[in-house]
Amino acid sequence: QVQLVESGGGLVQAGGSLRLSCAASGSIFSINAMGWYRQAPGGQREFVAYITKGGSTVYADSVKGRFTISRDNAKNTVYLQMNSLKPEDTAVYYCKAMRVGDNYWGQGTQVTVST
């Protein structure tokens, strides 16, 4: 089992920045990649970014150039630095841990971007 705890969400004005954190615990040795997804009100959960165990990263086109995913292996934590935030970035952001045969999700953290 893998447990994920997100933090760092909040209310920010358009153009501002936030940094989300996702702390992993449990059977983390088998995790191949970790990622961030988001779900806006009335919408479906969508991919934002992920980072592999080797450090390779992939981003959704909508956040490329504004968001940066990183990891601190010593702290078993993944971060999402979000800059130049837009109102359309408003959503609940979820952390996901991926390993062969299993996916694990955090409880989510709300990000609200005001105009």
Protein backbone atom coordinates (compact mmCIF):
# COMPACT_ATOMS: atom_id res chain seq x y z
CA GLN A 1 0.00 0.00 0.00
CA VAL A 2 1.00 3.57 -0.64
CA GLN A 3 -0.36 6.56 1.23
CA LEU A 4 -0.30 10.03 -0.30
CA VAL A 5 -0.94 13.31 1.47
CA GLU A 6 -1.21 16.52 -0.53
CA SER A 7 -0.80 20.04 0.81
CA GLY A 8 -0.22 23.57 -0.40
CA GLY A 9 -3.51 24.44 -2.05
CA GLY A 10 -5.29 27.70 -1.44
CA LEU A 11 -6.69 30.89 -2.91
CA VAL A 12 -4.48 33.00 -5.14
CA GLN A 13 -5.01 35.85 -7.59
CA ALA A 14 -4.51 35.35 -11.29
CA GLY A 15 -0.85 35.62 -12.16
CA GLY A 16 0.21 34.35 -8.77
CA SER A 17 2.01 31.18 -7.71
CA LEU A 18 1.44 28.18 -5.48
CA ARG A 19 3.48 25.10 -4.69
CA LEU A 20 1.76 21.81 -4.02
CA SER A 21 3.41 18.99 -2.12
CA CYS A 22 2.64 15.28 -2.08
CA ALA A 23 4.25 13.18 0.63
CA ALA A 24 4.33 9.43 0.02
CA SER A 25 4.63 6.69 2.60
CA GLY A 26 4.24 2.93 2.71
CA SER A 27 5.55 0.68 -0.07
CA ILE A 28 7.18 3.52 -1.96
CA PHE A 29 10.12 1.46 -3.24
CA SER A 30 7.93 0.03 -5.99
CA ILE A 31 6.60 3.34 -7.31
CA ASN A 32 7.60 3.92 -10.93
CA ALA A 33 6.23 7.41 -11.38
CA MET A 34 4.23 10.06 -9.58
CA GLY A 35 1.94 12.60 -11.07
CA TRP A 36 -0.57 15.37 -10.57
CA TYR A 37 -4.09 15.44 -11.92
CA ARG A 38 -6.87 17.94 -11.43
CA GLN A 39 -10.63 18.06 -11.52
CA ALA A 40 -12.58 21.27 -12.01
CA PRO A 41 -16.19 21.60 -10.83
CA GLY A 42 -18.44 19.64 -13.17
CA GLY A 43 -15.45 18.36 -15.12
CA GLN A 44 -13.51 15.15 -15.47
CA ARG A 45 -10.20 14.46 -13.81
CA GLU A 46 -7.41 15.43 -16.17
CA PHE A 47 -3.69 14.88 -16.36
CA VAL A 48 -1.41 17.74 -15.36
CA ALA A 49 2.13 16.36 -15.08
CA TYR A 50 4.15 13.35 -14.02
CA ILE A 51 7.71 12.51 -13.12
CA THR A 52 9.37 9.10 -13.39
CA LYS A 53 11.69 7.46 -10.91
CA GLY A 54 14.54 8.50 -13.22
CA GLY A 55 13.43 12.11 -13.25
CA SER A 56 11.86 12.36 -16.69
CA THR A 57 8.88 14.70 -16.83
CA VAL A 58 5.79 15.09 -18.97
CA TYR A 59 3.31 17.97 -18.91
CA ALA A 60 -0.13 18.67 -20.26
CA ASP A 61 -0.05 21.32 -22.97
CA SER A 62 -2.26 23.58 -20.87
CA VAL A 63 0.38 23.93 -18.14
CA LYS A 64 3.60 23.60 -20.10
CA GLY A 65 5.92 26.50 -19.36
CA ARG A 66 3.98 27.51 -16.25
CA PHE A 67 4.08 24.44 -13.99
CA THR A 68 7.10 22.44 -12.88
CA ILE A 69 7.01 19.00 -11.29
CA SER A 70 9.94 17.88 -9.16
CA ARG A 71 10.76 15.30 -6.53
CA ASP A 72 12.85 15.03 -3.39
CA ASN A 73 13.69 11.36 -3.01
CA ALA A 74 15.12 11.85 0.47
CA LYS A 75 11.76 13.20 1.65
CA ASN A 76 9.63 10.91 -0.55
CA THR A 77 7.86 14.03 -1.74
CA VAL A 78 6.76 15.32 -5.11
CA TYR A 79 6.13 18.98 -5.77
CA LEU A 80 4.15 20.96 -8.31
CA GLN A 81 5.30 24.54 -8.66
CA MET A 82 2.53 26.51 -10.34
CA ASN A 83 3.34 29.95 -11.73
CA SER A 84 1.32 32.42 -13.80
CA LEU A 85 -1.88 30.87 -12.52
CA LYS A 86 -5.09 31.44 -14.44
CA PRO A 87 -8.73 31.20 -13.30
CA GLU A 88 -9.07 28.09 -15.47
CA ASP A 89 -6.48 26.38 -13.26
CA THR A 90 -9.08 26.33 -10.48
CA ALA A 91 -9.64 22.70 -9.49
CA VAL A 92 -9.01 20.05 -6.89
CA TYR A 93 -5.49 18.78 -7.49
CA TYR A 94 -4.76 15.11 -6.84
CA CYS A 95 -1.46 13.33 -6.44
CA LYS A 96 -1.11 9.89 -8.01
CA ALA A 97 1.48 7.18 -7.46
CA MET A 98 1.91 4.60 -10.17
CA ARG A 99 3.41 1.14 -10.02
CA VAL A 100 2.86 -1.97 -12.05
CA GLY A 101 -0.68 -3.13 -11.49
CA ASP A 102 -1.67 -0.40 -9.04
CA ASN A 103 -2.42 3.29 -8.83
CA TYR A 104 -2.83 5.25 -5.62
CA TRP A 105 -4.48 8.62 -5.12
CA GLY A 106 -4.27 11.29 -2.49
CA GLN A 107 -7.28 13.04 -1.02
CA GLY A 108 -6.85 16.17 -3.12
CA THR A 109 -6.13 19.81 -2.37
CA GLN A 110 -8.21 22.74 -3.59
CA VAL A 111 -6.63 25.43 -5.74
CA THR A 112 -8.73 28.50 -6.47
CA VAL A 113 -7.50 31.26 -8.76
CA SER A 114 -9.44 34.50 -8.63
CA THR A 115 -9.63 37.17 -11.32
